[in-house]
Amino acid sequence: MNRRTLLRTATALGAAGLATGSTTGPAAARGTAPSPATAAGRAAGSGDPLRVQVVLFPGVEELDLAAPYEVFSASDFFTDRAVDVRYVALDGPGTITAAFGTTLRVEHGWAPDEADLLVVPGGGYARRDDPGVWAEIRRGALPRALAGAGRPGLTIAALCTGVMLLSAAGLTRGRPCTTHHRARADLERQGGVLKRARVVDDGDLVTAGGVTSGLDLALWLVRRELGVDAALGLESMLEYEARGTVWTAGPPRS
């Protein structure tokens, strides 16, 4: 075990103790008694892994892509269910340059049929030139691929202006959704039913607001798919408490 892995594991174990023990603090104050959602997440531990794919494209925002990836990758420390997280790109394996110049190696191609959660970040919507969301909308290939990705068992999620890629794909029309505050008017004009919430969960479509909401989107989906204890453990490890309102189509999840 290398030093980075050792430190990360120690941090996760310490956070798990904070989340599940009797320590005082925000997580403990909210309660850590096992819930049906937690039990369901643990029961899935003996089954298939939770397969998460984060979609990359040229001009994608660094924080948009990194926050969900970090949360889902670290969730493996707090659940008995295996979690497989990977970056994917429509054009297949290759190199992507993000909005602020970060170069990323993408090792996996487009395969939504092999995912349980497909997460679409944003980036570059404020400018109309290449690269970014506007360029991908003009190109058309990614919206078409997203439009054809839906199937039973797949949740398509997006944050920030990545939601506008779903809108271009027709996936938000007539559906409760949200996006970055500067794109809300466009989302409504294109048929989305805007909810002024941090995260909007409409079942197989989950959307979130501006850049930092990627943390809240991922923490909500961890809570939904892996249980409350996993989400609490992550909050302790990340030293971040999920913020804002989550709008859901059904009754509140336990």
C-alpha atoms as a PDB file:
ATOM      1  CA  MET A   1       0.000   0.000   0.000  1.00  0.00           C
ATOM      2  CA  ASN A   2       1.555   3.312  -1.041  1.00  0.00           C
ATOM      3  CA  ARG A   3       1.559   6.405   1.166  1.00  0.00           C
ATOM      4  CA  ARG A   4      -1.320   8.101  -0.686  1.00  0.00           C
ATOM      5  CA  THR A   5      -3.536   5.032  -0.378  1.00  0.00           C
ATOM      6  CA  LEU A   6      -2.623   4.609   3.276  1.00  0.00           C
ATOM      7  CA  LEU A   7      -3.460   8.234   4.118  1.00  0.00           C
ATOM      8  CA  ARG A   8      -6.692   8.129   2.154  1.00  0.00           C
ATOM      9  CA  THR A   9      -7.800   4.920   3.853  1.00  0.00           C
ATOM     10  CA  ALA A  10      -6.961   6.302   7.293  1.00  0.00           C
ATOM     11  CA  THR A  11      -8.956   9.442   6.531  1.00  0.00           C
ATOM     12  CA  ALA A  12     -11.928   7.395   5.372  1.00  0.00           C
ATOM     13  CA  LEU A  13     -11.833   5.155   8.422  1.00  0.00           C
ATOM     14  CA  GLY A  14     -11.703   8.178  10.700  1.00  0.00           C
ATOM     15  CA  ALA A  15     -14.631   9.749   8.883  1.00  0.00           C
ATOM     16  CA  ALA A  16     -16.591   6.522   9.107  1.00  0.00           C
ATOM     17  CA  GLY A  17     -16.122   6.600  12.875  1.00  0.00           C
ATOM     18  CA  LEU A  18     -17.388  10.160  13.011  1.00  0.00           C
ATOM     19  CA  ALA A  19     -20.401   9.298  10.897  1.00  0.00           C
ATOM     20  CA  THR A  20     -21.467   6.154  12.735  1.00  0.00           C
ATOM     21  CA  GLY A  21     -20.260   6.661  16.318  1.00  0.00           C
ATOM     22  CA  SER A  22     -21.570   8.793  19.150  1.00  0.00           C
ATOM     23  CA  THR A  23     -19.316  11.759  18.421  1.00  0.00           C
ATOM     24  CA  THR A  24     -21.065  15.104  18.655  1.00  0.00           C
ATOM     25  CA  GLY A  25     -21.236  17.356  15.605  1.00  0.00           C
ATOM     26  CA  PRO A  26     -23.467  18.083  12.591  1.00  0.00           C
ATOM     27  CA  ALA A  27     -23.498  14.509  11.280  1.00  0.00           C
ATOM     28  CA  ALA A  28     -24.227  12.995  14.669  1.00  0.00           C
ATOM     29  CA  ALA A  29     -26.859  15.614  15.404  1.00  0.00           C
ATOM     30  CA  ARG A  30     -28.798  14.479  12.347  1.00  0.00           C
ATOM     31  CA  GLY A  31     -28.817  10.896  13.608  1.00  0.00           C
ATOM     32  CA  THR A  32     -27.115   7.785  12.283  1.00  0.00           C
ATOM     33  CA  ALA A  33     -29.617   5.046  13.000  1.00  0.00           C
ATOM     34  CA  PRO A  34     -29.847   2.533  10.143  1.00  0.00           C
ATOM     35  CA  SER A  35     -32.552   3.477   7.666  1.00  0.00           C
ATOM     36  CA  PRO A  36     -34.316   1.519   4.915  1.00  0.00           C
ATOM     37  CA  ALA A  37     -32.185   3.327   2.350  1.00  0.00           C
ATOM     38  CA  THR A  38     -29.000   2.366   4.197  1.00  0.00           C
ATOM     39  CA  ALA A  39     -30.129  -1.233   4.537  1.00  0.00           C
ATOM     40  CA  ALA A  40     -30.925  -1.351   0.840  1.00  0.00           C
ATOM     41  CA  GLY A  41     -27.492   0.015  -0.023  1.00  0.00           C
ATOM     42  CA  ARG A  42     -25.752  -2.571   2.134  1.00  0.00           C
ATOM     43  CA  ALA A  43     -27.941  -5.370   0.831  1.00  0.00           C
ATOM     44  CA  ALA A  44     -26.692  -4.540  -2.630  1.00  0.00           C
ATOM     45  CA  GLY A  45     -23.135  -5.222  -1.510  1.00  0.00           C
ATOM     46  CA  SER A  46     -23.317  -8.843  -2.561  1.00  0.00           C
ATOM     47  CA  GLY A  47     -24.693  -7.973  -5.988  1.00  0.00           C
ATOM     48  CA  ASP A  48     -23.533  -5.929  -8.937  1.00  0.00           C
ATOM     49  CA  PRO A  49     -21.439  -2.807  -8.476  1.00  0.00           C
ATOM     50  CA  LEU A  50     -22.893   0.672  -8.793  1.00  0.00           C
ATOM     51  CA  ARG A  51     -21.554   1.764 -12.183  1.00  0.00           C
ATOM     52  CA  VAL A  52     -21.021   5.503 -12.575  1.00  0.00           C
ATOM     53  CA  GLN A  53     -19.865   7.195 -15.771  1.00  0.00           C
ATOM     54  CA  VAL A  54     -18.886  10.883 -15.826  1.00  0.00           C
ATOM     55  CA  VAL A  55     -19.074  12.287 -19.354  1.00  0.00           C
ATOM     56  CA  LEU A  56     -16.185  14.456 -20.564  1.00  0.00           C
ATOM     57  CA  PHE A  57     -15.920  16.727 -23.597  1.00  0.00           C
ATOM     58  CA  PRO A  58     -13.527  19.515 -24.641  1.00  0.00           C
ATOM     59  CA  GLY A  59     -14.045  22.603 -22.499  1.00  0.00           C
ATOM     60  CA  VAL A  60     -15.727  20.771 -19.615  1.00  0.00           C
ATOM     61  CA  GLU A  61     -15.420  22.625 -16.284  1.00  0.00           C
ATOM     62  CA  GLU A  62     -12.772  21.152 -13.967  1.00  0.00           C
ATOM     63  CA  LEU A  63     -14.801  21.367 -10.754  1.00  0.00           C
ATOM     64  CA  ASP A  64     -17.909  20.081 -12.526  1.00  0.00           C
ATOM     65  CA  LEU A  65     -16.151  16.868 -13.480  1.00  0.00           C
ATOM     66  CA  ALA A  66     -13.955  16.408 -10.411  1.00  0.00           C
ATOM     67  CA  ALA A  67     -16.506  16.813  -7.612  1.00  0.00           C
ATOM     68  CA  PRO A  68     -18.841  13.964  -8.645  1.00  0.00           C
ATOM     69  CA  TYR A  69     -15.888  11.745  -9.534  1.00  0.00           C
ATOM     70  CA  GLU A  70     -14.309  12.281  -6.105  1.00  0.00           C
ATOM     71  CA  VAL A  71     -17.545  11.697  -4.208  1.00  0.00           C
ATOM     72  CA  PHE A  72     -18.488   8.508  -6.028  1.00  0.00           C
ATOM     73  CA  SER A  73     -14.933   7.139  -5.918  1.00  0.00           C
ATOM     74  CA  ALA A  74     -14.643   7.773  -2.166  1.00  0.00           C
ATOM     75  CA  SER A  75     -18.101   6.286  -1.514  1.00  0.00           C
ATOM     76  CA  ASP A  76     -16.542   2.854  -1.868  1.00  0.00           C
ATOM     77  CA  PHE A  77     -15.113   3.336   1.643  1.00  0.00           C
ATOM     78  CA  PHE A  78     -18.576   3.659   3.181  1.00  0.00           C
ATOM     79  CA  THR A  79     -20.609   0.891   1.596  1.00  0.00           C
ATOM     80  CA  ASP A  80     -20.379  -2.868   1.149  1.00  0.00           C
ATOM     81  CA  ARG A  81     -21.429  -2.432  -2.450  1.00  0.00           C
ATOM     82  CA  ALA A  82     -18.645  -2.050  -4.994  1.00  0.00           C
ATOM     83  CA  VAL A  83     -18.629   1.268  -6.859  1.00  0.00           C
ATOM     84  CA  ASP A  84     -17.080   1.535 -10.310  1.00  0.00           C
ATOM     85  CA  VAL A  85     -16.442   5.123 -11.452  1.00  0.00           C
ATOM     86  CA  ARG A  86     -14.959   6.106 -14.767  1.00  0.00           C
ATOM     87  CA  TYR A  87     -14.618   9.043 -17.115  1.00  0.00           C
ATOM     88  CA  VAL A  88     -16.042   8.417 -20.579  1.00  0.00           C
ATOM     89  CA  ALA A  89     -16.031  10.377 -23.834  1.00  0.00           C
ATOM     90  CA  LEU A  90     -18.267  10.076 -26.860  1.00  0.00           C
ATOM     91  CA  ASP A  91     -15.306   9.964 -29.226  1.00  0.00           C
ATOM     92  CA  GLY A  92     -13.687   7.136 -27.291  1.00  0.00           C
ATOM     93  CA  PRO A  93     -10.409   6.986 -25.357  1.00  0.00           C
ATOM     94  CA  GLY A  94      -8.170   9.980 -25.811  1.00  0.00           C
ATOM     95  CA  THR A  95      -7.128  13.317 -24.354  1.00  0.00           C
ATOM     96  CA  ILE A  96      -9.536  16.073 -23.296  1.00  0.00           C
ATOM     97  CA  THR A  97      -8.551  19.647 -22.472  1.00  0.00           C
ATOM     98  CA  ALA A  98     -10.852  21.137 -19.830  1.00  0.00           C
ATOM     99  CA  ALA A  99     -12.032  24.751 -19.487  1.00  0.00           C
ATOM    100  CA  PHE A 100      -8.989  26.066 -17.618  1.00  0.00           C
ATOM    101  CA  GLY A 101      -6.398  24.065 -19.519  1.00  0.00           C
ATOM    102  CA  THR A 102      -6.228  20.843 -17.505  1.00  0.00           C
ATOM    103  CA  THR A 103      -5.342  17.924 -19.751  1.00  0.00           C
ATOM    104  CA  LEU A 104      -7.200  14.724 -18.955  1.00  0.00           C
ATOM    105  CA  ARG A 105      -6.661  11.223 -20.265  1.00  0.00           C
ATOM    106  CA  VAL A 106      -9.986   9.481 -20.879  1.00  0.00           C
ATOM    107  CA  GLU A 107      -9.589   5.720 -20.960  1.00  0.00           C
ATOM    108  CA  HIS A 108     -13.158   4.675 -21.717  1.00  0.00           C
ATOM    109  CA  GLY A 109     -15.504   5.226 -24.626  1.00  0.00           C
ATOM    110  CA  TRP A 110     -19.239   5.832 -24.753  1.00  0.00           C
ATOM    111  CA  ALA A 111     -21.113   2.941 -23.113  1.00  0.00           C
ATOM    112  CA  PRO A 112     -24.274   4.108 -21.275  1.00  0.00           C
ATOM    113  CA  ASP A 113     -25.656   0.589 -21.549  1.00  0.00           C
ATOM    114  CA  GLU A 114     -22.957  -0.362 -19.011  1.00  0.00           C
ATOM    115  CA  ALA A 115     -23.882   2.369 -16.489  1.00  0.00           C
ATOM    116  CA  ASP A 116     -26.357   2.819 -13.659  1.00  0.00           C
ATOM    117  CA  LEU A 117     -25.628   6.539 -13.362  1.00  0.00           C
ATOM    118  CA  LEU A 118     -24.563   8.768 -16.249  1.00  0.00           C
ATOM    119  CA  VAL A 119     -23.345  12.158 -14.982  1.00  0.00           C
ATOM    120  CA  VAL A 120     -22.994  15.103 -17.381  1.00  0.00           C
ATOM    121  CA  PRO A 121     -20.914  18.108 -16.220  1.00  0.00           C
ATOM    122  CA  GLY A 122     -21.075  21.545 -17.821  1.00  0.00           C
ATOM    123  CA  GLY A 123     -18.615  24.189 -18.920  1.00  0.00           C
ATOM    124  CA  GLY A 124     -18.273  26.909 -21.536  1.00  0.00           C
ATOM    125  CA  TYR A 125     -21.936  27.937 -21.742  1.00  0.00           C
ATOM    126  CA  ALA A 126     -21.175  31.597 -21.041  1.00  0.00           C
ATOM    127  CA  ARG A 127     -19.145  31.812 -24.245  1.00  0.00           C
ATOM    128  CA  ARG A 128     -20.403  30.839 -27.669  1.00  0.00           C
ATOM    129  CA  ASP A 129     -17.026  29.947 -29.158  1.00  0.00           C
ATOM    130  CA  ASP A 130     -15.239  26.606 -28.876  1.00  0.00           C
ATOM    131  CA  PRO A 131     -14.872  24.586 -26.756  1.00  0.00           C
ATOM    132  CA  GLY A 132     -17.619  23.760 -24.266  1.00  0.00           C
ATOM    133  CA  VAL A 133     -21.336  23.102 -23.998  1.00  0.00           C
ATOM    134  CA  TRP A 134     -22.331  25.468 -26.816  1.00  0.00           C
ATOM    135  CA  ALA A 135     -19.817  23.838 -29.140  1.00  0.00           C
ATOM    136  CA  GLU A 136     -21.188  20.385 -28.260  1.00  0.00           C
ATOM    137  CA  ILE A 137     -24.762  21.567 -28.859  1.00  0.00           C
ATOM    138  CA  ARG A 138     -23.796  22.958 -32.288  1.00  0.00           C
ATOM    139  CA  ARG A 139     -21.905  19.789 -33.107  1.00  0.00           C
ATOM    140  CA  GLY A 140     -24.973  17.753 -32.174  1.00  0.00           C
ATOM    141  CA  ALA A 141     -23.318  14.396 -31.622  1.00  0.00           C
ATOM    142  CA  LEU A 142     -23.363  14.424 -27.813  1.00  0.00           C
ATOM    143  CA  PRO A 143     -27.013  15.580 -27.498  1.00  0.00           C
ATOM    144  CA  ARG A 144     -28.034  12.858 -29.955  1.00  0.00           C
ATOM    145  CA  ALA A 145     -26.097  10.255 -27.983  1.00  0.00           C
ATOM    146  CA  LEU A 146     -27.701  11.422 -24.728  1.00  0.00           C
ATOM    147  CA  ALA A 147     -31.153  11.315 -26.327  1.00  0.00           C
ATOM    148  CA  GLY A 148     -30.571   7.681 -27.229  1.00  0.00           C
ATOM    149  CA  ALA A 149     -29.012   6.627 -23.940  1.00  0.00           C
ATOM    150  CA  GLY A 150     -32.134   6.207 -21.831  1.00  0.00           C
ATOM    151  CA  ARG A 151     -33.227   2.749 -20.760  1.00  0.00           C
ATOM    152  CA  PRO A 152     -34.761   1.109 -17.685  1.00  0.00           C
ATOM    153  CA  GLY A 153     -32.269   1.084 -14.824  1.00  0.00           C
ATOM    154  CA  LEU A 154     -30.267   4.097 -15.998  1.00  0.00           C
ATOM    155  CA  THR A 155     -30.397   7.456 -14.214  1.00  0.00           C
ATOM    156  CA  ILE A 156     -29.140  10.386 -16.261  1.00  0.00           C
ATOM    157  CA  ALA A 157     -27.853  13.217 -14.087  1.00  0.00           C
ATOM    158  CA  ALA A 158     -26.382  16.586 -14.963  1.00  0.00           C
ATOM    159  CA  LEU A 159     -25.079  19.624 -13.152  1.00  0.00           C
ATOM    160  CA  CYS A 160     -24.531  23.255 -13.956  1.00  0.00           C
ATOM    161  CA  THR A 161     -24.754  23.929 -17.711  1.00  0.00           C
ATOM    162  CA  GLY A 162     -24.376  20.235 -18.458  1.00  0.00           C
ATOM    163  CA  VAL A 163     -28.156  20.292 -17.993  1.00  0.00           C
ATOM    164  CA  MET A 164     -28.334  22.322 -21.214  1.00  0.00           C
ATOM    165  CA  LEU A 165     -26.855  19.333 -23.059  1.00  0.00           C
ATOM    166  CA  LEU A 166     -29.772  17.276 -21.720  1.00  0.00           C
ATOM    167  CA  SER A 167     -32.114  20.061 -22.808  1.00  0.00           C
ATOM    168  CA  ALA A 168     -30.647  19.983 -26.314  1.00  0.00           C
ATOM    169  CA  ALA A 169     -31.276  16.233 -26.259  1.00  0.00           C
ATOM    170  CA  GLY A 170     -34.937  16.812 -25.373  1.00  0.00           C
ATOM    171  CA  LEU A 171     -34.568  15.045 -22.029  1.00  0.00           C
ATOM    172  CA  THR A 172     -35.719  17.930 -19.821  1.00  0.00           C
ATOM    173  CA  ARG A 173     -38.799  18.908 -21.822  1.00  0.00           C
ATOM    174  CA  GLY A 174     -41.830  18.727 -19.550  1.00  0.00           C
ATOM    175  CA  ARG A 175     -39.684  17.455 -16.671  1.00  0.00           C
ATOM    176  CA  PRO A 176     -38.808  19.113 -13.335  1.00  0.00           C
ATOM    177  CA  CYS A 177     -35.185  20.272 -13.539  1.00  0.00           C
ATOM    178  CA  THR A 178     -32.688  23.001 -12.673  1.00  0.00           C
ATOM    179  CA  THR A 179     -29.366  24.375 -13.923  1.00  0.00           C
ATOM    180  CA  HIS A 180     -26.864  27.194 -13.402  1.00  0.00           C
ATOM    181  CA  HIS A 181     -28.744  30.410 -12.595  1.00  0.00           C
ATOM    182  CA  ARG A 182     -27.553  32.105 -15.801  1.00  0.00           C
ATOM    183  CA  ALA A 183     -29.020  29.322 -17.935  1.00  0.00           C
ATOM    184  CA  ARG A 184     -32.385  28.969 -16.168  1.00  0.00           C
ATOM    185  CA  ALA A 185     -34.255  31.191 -18.626  1.00  0.00           C
ATOM    186  CA  ASP A 186     -32.925  29.130 -21.556  1.00  0.00           C
ATOM    187  CA  LEU A 187     -33.906  25.908 -19.808  1.00  0.00           C
ATOM    188  CA  GLU A 188     -37.469  27.149 -19.335  1.00  0.00           C
ATOM    189  CA  ARG A 189     -37.726  28.416 -22.921  1.00  0.00           C
ATOM    190  CA  GLN A 190     -36.719  24.963 -24.095  1.00  0.00           C
ATOM    191  CA  GLY A 191     -39.519  23.286 -22.159  1.00  0.00           C
ATOM    192  CA  GLY A 192     -37.931  22.398 -18.830  1.00  0.00           C
ATOM    193  CA  VAL A 193     -40.112  22.754 -15.727  1.00  0.00           C
ATOM    194  CA  LEU A 194     -37.759  24.857 -13.617  1.00  0.00           C
ATOM    195  CA  LYS A 195     -37.523  24.120  -9.895  1.00  0.00           C
ATOM    196  CA  ARG A 196     -35.481  26.569  -7.841  1.00  0.00           C
ATOM    197  CA  ALA A 197     -33.755  23.874  -5.823  1.00  0.00           C
ATOM    198  CA  ARG A 198     -30.130  22.873  -5.420  1.00  0.00           C
ATOM    199  CA  VAL A 199     -30.873  19.357  -6.689  1.00  0.00           C
ATOM    200  CA  VAL A 200     -33.974  18.172  -8.539  1.00  0.00           C
ATOM    201  CA  ASP A 201     -34.692  14.431  -8.470  1.00  0.00           C
ATOM    202  CA  ASP A 202     -37.315  13.330 -10.986  1.00  0.00           C
ATOM    203  CA  GLY A 203     -36.513   9.625 -10.811  1.00  0.00           C
ATOM    204  CA  ASP A 204     -34.396   8.707 -13.810  1.00  0.00           C
ATOM    205  CA  LEU A 205     -33.528  12.378 -14.405  1.00  0.00           C
ATOM    206  CA  VAL A 206     -31.573  14.220 -11.700  1.00  0.00           C
ATOM    207  CA  THR A 207     -30.253  17.751 -12.215  1.00  0.00           C
ATOM    208  CA  ALA A 208     -28.368  20.279 -10.112  1.00  0.00           C
ATOM    209  CA  GLY A 209     -27.493  23.980 -10.109  1.00  0.00           C
ATOM    210  CA  GLY A 210     -24.186  25.805 -10.555  1.00  0.00           C
ATOM    211  CA  VAL A 211     -20.622  24.585 -10.353  1.00  0.00           C
ATOM    212  CA  THR A 212     -20.263  23.591  -6.690  1.00  0.00           C
ATOM    213  CA  SER A 213     -23.611  21.776  -6.725  1.00  0.00           C
ATOM    214  CA  GLY A 214     -21.770  18.795  -8.203  1.00  0.00           C
ATOM    215  CA  LEU A 215     -20.922  17.892  -4.602  1.00  0.00           C
ATOM    216  CA  ASP A 216     -24.576  18.054  -3.587  1.00  0.00           C
ATOM    217  CA  LEU A 217     -25.736  16.131  -6.651  1.00  0.00           C
ATOM    218  CA  ALA A 218     -23.283  13.320  -5.979  1.00  0.00           C
ATOM    219  CA  LEU A 219     -23.982  13.217  -2.233  1.00  0.00           C
ATOM    220  CA  TRP A 220     -27.716  13.012  -2.927  1.00  0.00           C
ATOM    221  CA  LEU A 221     -27.243  10.175  -5.406  1.00  0.00           C
ATOM    222  CA  VAL A 222     -24.972   8.338  -2.945  1.00  0.00           C
ATOM    223  CA  ARG A 223     -27.667   8.703  -0.311  1.00  0.00           C
ATOM    224  CA  ARG A 224     -30.298   7.461  -2.763  1.00  0.00           C
ATOM    225  CA  GLU A 225     -28.327   4.534  -4.145  1.00  0.00           C
ATOM    226  CA  LEU A 226     -26.037   3.525  -1.267  1.00  0.00           C
ATOM    227  CA  GLY A 227     -27.789   4.763   1.855  1.00  0.00           C
ATOM    228  CA  VAL A 228     -27.704   7.579   4.385  1.00  0.00           C
ATOM    229  CA  ASP A 229     -24.675   6.255   6.299  1.00  0.00           C
ATOM    230  CA  ALA A 230     -22.556   6.332   3.145  1.00  0.00           C
ATOM    231  CA  ALA A 231     -23.534   9.952   2.506  1.00  0.00           C
ATOM    232  CA  LEU A 232     -22.803  10.934   6.126  1.00  0.00           C
ATOM    233  CA  GLY A 233     -19.422   9.239   6.000  1.00  0.00           C
ATOM    234  CA  LEU A 234     -18.549  11.145   2.850  1.00  0.00           C
ATOM    235  CA  GLU A 235     -19.610  14.454   4.351  1.00  0.00           C
ATOM    236  CA  SER A 236     -17.292  13.847   7.301  1.00  0.00           C
ATOM    237  CA  MET A 237     -14.396  12.806   5.092  1.00  0.00           C
ATOM    238  CA  LEU A 238     -14.840  15.748   2.725  1.00  0.00           C
ATOM    239  CA  GLU A 239     -15.559  18.191   5.581  1.00  0.00           C
ATOM    240  CA  TYR A 240     -18.561  19.365   3.582  1.00  0.00           C
ATOM    241  CA  GLU A 241     -22.226  19.272   4.523  1.00  0.00           C
ATOM    242  CA  ALA A 242     -24.737  18.883   1.706  1.00  0.00           C
ATOM    243  CA  ARG A 243     -26.466  22.217   1.262  1.00  0.00           C
ATOM    244  CA  GLY A 244     -29.604  23.555  -0.335  1.00  0.00           C
ATOM    245  CA  THR A 245     -32.961  21.965  -1.006  1.00  0.00           C
ATOM    246  CA  VAL A 246     -33.460  18.676  -2.841  1.00  0.00           C
ATOM    247  CA  TRP A 247     -36.712  18.656  -4.786  1.00  0.00           C
ATOM    248  CA  THR A 248     -38.082  15.156  -5.304  1.00  0.00           C
ATOM    249  CA  ALA A 249     -40.974  13.912  -7.390  1.00  0.00           C
ATOM    250  CA  GLY A 250     -42.154  11.578  -4.618  1.00  0.00           C
ATOM    251  CA  PRO A 251     -42.229  11.573  -0.816  1.00  0.00           C
ATOM    252  CA  PRO A 252     -38.929  12.345   0.963  1.00  0.00           C
ATOM    253  CA  ARG A 253     -36.510   9.430   0.977  1.00  0.00           C
ATOM    254  CA  SER A 254     -35.423   8.183   4.388  1.00  0.00           C
END
